Amino acid sequence: MANDLGNATTITFAGFTGDLLSIGLSGVSRPAVDVSTLGTTTARAFVPSDLYDGGELEARIHWTGTETIPITGASTATTIAWGGTINDTTFNSFVIGFSIDATEGEAMIATVTFKITGAVTL
């Protein structure tokens, strides 16, 4: 089976603009809940939480100063359209971080971090 390339991948989020260089999802995680008691004697006992954490999304873009980074705190429908044959990923998210890196002789890069909230459809 051939791998899909990341080319043509896009993100849609509340007017967010920018020339996308890379995008990455931190991954969905489900916490383990400790259900040990004072009567537990050998090893701790755990059960899976009913809720999972959708993780975070990090997008790196070329920074020219004309991009729109909506740092409003509002949760917004978000879609990643992967460039190959992989189905879109959808969720709600809001911006939790923004940084710019300027290195001599190189294009400036901005990193925008989104917190995923609610269910994730992969």
C-alpha atoms as a PDB file:
ATOM      1  CA  MET A   1       0.000   0.000   0.000  1.00  0.00           C
ATOM      2  CA  ALA A   2       1.389   3.411  -0.959  1.00  0.00           C
ATOM      3  CA  ASN A   3       1.616   6.173   1.622  1.00  0.00           C
ATOM      4  CA  ASP A   4      -0.289   9.405   1.092  1.00  0.00           C
ATOM      5  CA  LEU A   5       1.736  12.608   0.880  1.00  0.00           C
ATOM      6  CA  GLY A   6       0.837  15.610   3.009  1.00  0.00           C
ATOM      7  CA  ASN A   7       0.656  17.921  -0.006  1.00  0.00           C
ATOM      8  CA  ALA A   8      -2.671  19.785  -0.405  1.00  0.00           C
ATOM      9  CA  THR A   9      -3.584  19.338   3.284  1.00  0.00           C
ATOM     10  CA  THR A  10      -5.699  22.241   4.567  1.00  0.00           C
ATOM     11  CA  ILE A  11      -7.266  23.413   7.828  1.00  0.00           C
ATOM     12  CA  THR A  12     -10.555  25.274   8.132  1.00  0.00           C
ATOM     13  CA  PHE A  13     -11.057  27.238  11.369  1.00  0.00           C
ATOM     14  CA  ALA A  14     -12.966  30.532  11.881  1.00  0.00           C
ATOM     15  CA  GLY A  15     -11.185  32.692   9.322  1.00  0.00           C
ATOM     16  CA  PHE A  16      -7.708  31.310  10.114  1.00  0.00           C
ATOM     17  CA  THR A  17      -5.411  32.035   7.173  1.00  0.00           C
ATOM     18  CA  GLY A  18      -1.828  31.219   6.398  1.00  0.00           C
ATOM     19  CA  ASP A  19       0.405  29.224   4.093  1.00  0.00           C
ATOM     20  CA  LEU A  20       0.435  25.887   5.894  1.00  0.00           C
ATOM     21  CA  LEU A  21       3.860  24.241   6.270  1.00  0.00           C
ATOM     22  CA  SER A  22       2.961  21.404   8.615  1.00  0.00           C
ATOM     23  CA  ILE A  23       0.127  20.233  10.794  1.00  0.00           C
ATOM     24  CA  GLY A  24       0.150  17.693  13.582  1.00  0.00           C
ATOM     25  CA  LEU A  25      -2.333  16.176  16.006  1.00  0.00           C
ATOM     26  CA  SER A  26      -0.973  15.255  19.444  1.00  0.00           C
ATOM     27  CA  GLY A  27      -3.341  12.311  19.626  1.00  0.00           C
ATOM     28  CA  VAL A  28      -6.485  11.318  21.446  1.00  0.00           C
ATOM     29  CA  SER A  29      -5.967   9.908  24.936  1.00  0.00           C
ATOM     30  CA  ARG A  30      -8.215   8.236  27.483  1.00  0.00           C
ATOM     31  CA  PRO A  31      -7.166   8.593  31.122  1.00  0.00           C
ATOM     32  CA  ALA A  32      -7.033   5.648  33.461  1.00  0.00           C
ATOM     33  CA  VAL A  33      -9.048   6.096  36.680  1.00  0.00           C
ATOM     34  CA  ASP A  34      -7.518   4.649  39.841  1.00  0.00           C
ATOM     35  CA  VAL A  35     -10.194   2.580  41.628  1.00  0.00           C
ATOM     36  CA  SER A  36      -7.869   1.139  44.291  1.00  0.00           C
ATOM     37  CA  THR A  37      -9.156   1.097  47.863  1.00  0.00           C
ATOM     38  CA  LEU A  38      -7.640   0.694  51.305  1.00  0.00           C
ATOM     39  CA  GLY A  39      -8.364  -3.022  50.830  1.00  0.00           C
ATOM     40  CA  THR A  40      -6.179  -3.214  47.718  1.00  0.00           C
ATOM     41  CA  THR A  41      -3.047  -5.128  48.679  1.00  0.00           C
ATOM     42  CA  THR A  42      -1.184  -6.298  45.577  1.00  0.00           C
ATOM     43  CA  ALA A  43      -1.360  -3.683  42.853  1.00  0.00           C
ATOM     44  CA  ARG A  44      -3.433  -0.642  41.994  1.00  0.00           C
ATOM     45  CA  ALA A  45      -6.618  -1.259  40.012  1.00  0.00           C
ATOM     46  CA  PHE A  46      -7.675   0.973  37.115  1.00  0.00           C
ATOM     47  CA  VAL A  47     -10.660   1.389  34.793  1.00  0.00           C
ATOM     48  CA  PRO A  48     -10.843   3.486  31.631  1.00  0.00           C
ATOM     49  CA  SER A  49     -12.421   6.917  31.991  1.00  0.00           C
ATOM     50  CA  ASP A  50     -15.762   7.437  30.264  1.00  0.00           C
ATOM     51  CA  LEU A  51     -14.297  10.594  28.679  1.00  0.00           C
ATOM     52  CA  TYR A  52     -11.332  11.030  26.363  1.00  0.00           C
ATOM     53  CA  ASP A  53      -9.150  14.072  25.688  1.00  0.00           C
ATOM     54  CA  GLY A  54      -9.051  15.050  22.006  1.00  0.00           C
ATOM     55  CA  GLY A  55      -5.530  16.427  22.387  1.00  0.00           C
ATOM     56  CA  GLU A  56      -4.066  19.403  20.542  1.00  0.00           C
ATOM     57  CA  LEU A  57      -3.421  20.489  16.996  1.00  0.00           C
ATOM     58  CA  GLU A  58      -0.265  22.377  16.012  1.00  0.00           C
ATOM     59  CA  ALA A  59      -0.090  24.242  12.701  1.00  0.00           C
ATOM     60  CA  ARG A  60       3.097  25.841  11.353  1.00  0.00           C
ATOM     61  CA  ILE A  61       2.689  28.585   8.751  1.00  0.00           C
ATOM     62  CA  HIS A  62       4.818  31.119   6.878  1.00  0.00           C
ATOM     63  CA  TRP A  63       4.474  34.414   8.786  1.00  0.00           C
ATOM     64  CA  THR A  64       4.159  37.612   6.751  1.00  0.00           C
ATOM     65  CA  GLY A  65       2.092  39.599   9.250  1.00  0.00           C
ATOM     66  CA  THR A  66      -1.034  39.488   7.088  1.00  0.00           C
ATOM     67  CA  GLU A  67      -2.356  36.165   8.400  1.00  0.00           C
ATOM     68  CA  THR A  68      -5.490  35.982  10.558  1.00  0.00           C
ATOM     69  CA  ILE A  69      -5.053  34.172  13.877  1.00  0.00           C
ATOM     70  CA  PRO A  70      -8.413  34.136  15.733  1.00  0.00           C
ATOM     71  CA  ILE A  71      -7.375  34.200  19.393  1.00  0.00           C
ATOM     72  CA  THR A  72     -10.914  34.855  20.632  1.00  0.00           C
ATOM     73  CA  GLY A  73     -11.273  31.934  23.002  1.00  0.00           C
ATOM     74  CA  ALA A  74     -14.399  30.790  21.165  1.00  0.00           C
ATOM     75  CA  SER A  75     -14.695  27.113  20.282  1.00  0.00           C
ATOM     76  CA  THR A  76     -15.163  26.705  16.533  1.00  0.00           C
ATOM     77  CA  ALA A  77     -15.825  23.855  14.120  1.00  0.00           C
ATOM     78  CA  THR A  78     -12.486  22.735  12.687  1.00  0.00           C
ATOM     79  CA  THR A  79     -11.739  20.495   9.709  1.00  0.00           C
ATOM     80  CA  ILE A  80      -8.453  19.058   8.512  1.00  0.00           C
ATOM     81  CA  ALA A  81      -8.680  17.974   4.878  1.00  0.00           C
ATOM     82  CA  TRP A  82      -5.748  15.609   4.477  1.00  0.00           C
ATOM     83  CA  GLY A  83      -4.099  15.946   1.066  1.00  0.00           C
ATOM     84  CA  GLY A  84      -4.323  12.308   0.051  1.00  0.00           C
ATOM     85  CA  THR A  85      -7.104   9.749   0.168  1.00  0.00           C
ATOM     86  CA  ILE A  86      -7.562   9.903   3.954  1.00  0.00           C
ATOM     87  CA  ASN A  87     -10.981  11.061   5.225  1.00  0.00           C
ATOM     88  CA  ASP A  88     -11.258  14.540   6.752  1.00  0.00           C
ATOM     89  CA  THR A  89     -10.811  14.910  10.507  1.00  0.00           C
ATOM     90  CA  THR A  90     -13.390  17.135  12.249  1.00  0.00           C
ATOM     91  CA  PHE A  91     -13.727  18.525  15.768  1.00  0.00           C
ATOM     92  CA  ASN A  92     -14.274  21.772  17.679  1.00  0.00           C
ATOM     93  CA  SER A  93     -11.241  23.706  18.885  1.00  0.00           C
ATOM     94  CA  PHE A  94      -9.962  27.062  20.099  1.00  0.00           C
ATOM     95  CA  VAL A  95      -6.545  28.735  19.895  1.00  0.00           C
ATOM     96  CA  ILE A  96      -4.436  28.290  23.038  1.00  0.00           C
ATOM     97  CA  GLY A  97      -1.031  29.386  21.751  1.00  0.00           C
ATOM     98  CA  PHE A  98       0.698  31.479  19.120  1.00  0.00           C
ATOM     99  CA  SER A  99       4.407  32.083  18.556  1.00  0.00           C
ATOM    100  CA  ILE A 100       6.680  33.483  15.822  1.00  0.00           C
ATOM    101  CA  ASP A 101      10.200  32.347  14.995  1.00  0.00           C
ATOM    102  CA  ALA A 102      12.482  34.692  13.037  1.00  0.00           C
ATOM    103  CA  THR A 103      15.896  33.336  12.099  1.00  0.00           C
ATOM    104  CA  GLU A 104      18.467  35.324  10.126  1.00  0.00           C
ATOM    105  CA  GLY A 105      18.303  34.501   6.447  1.00  0.00           C
ATOM    106  CA  GLU A 106      15.215  32.280   6.717  1.00  0.00           C
ATOM    107  CA  ALA A 107      11.477  32.730   6.234  1.00  0.00           C
ATOM    108  CA  MET A 108       9.632  33.639   9.435  1.00  0.00           C
ATOM    109  CA  ILE A 109       7.491  30.818  10.803  1.00  0.00           C
ATOM    110  CA  ALA A 110       4.473  31.086  13.115  1.00  0.00           C
ATOM    111  CA  THR A 111       3.164  28.207  15.190  1.00  0.00           C
ATOM    112  CA  VAL A 112      -0.499  28.162  16.193  1.00  0.00           C
ATOM    113  CA  THR A 113      -1.682  25.652  18.803  1.00  0.00           C
ATOM    114  CA  PHE A 114      -5.348  24.650  19.053  1.00  0.00           C
ATOM    115  CA  LYS A 115      -7.011  22.760  21.942  1.00  0.00           C
ATOM    116  CA  ILE A 116      -9.476  20.177  20.725  1.00  0.00           C
ATOM    117  CA  THR A 117     -12.725  20.104  22.675  1.00  0.00           C
ATOM    118  CA  GLY A 118     -15.507  17.539  22.395  1.00  0.00           C
ATOM    119  CA  ALA A 119     -15.695  14.562  20.081  1.00  0.00           C
ATOM    120  CA  VAL A 120     -13.188  13.925  17.283  1.00  0.00           C
ATOM    121  CA  THR A 121     -14.270  12.319  14.006  1.00  0.00           C
ATOM    122  CA  LEU A 122     -11.360  10.640  12.267  1.00  0.00           C
END
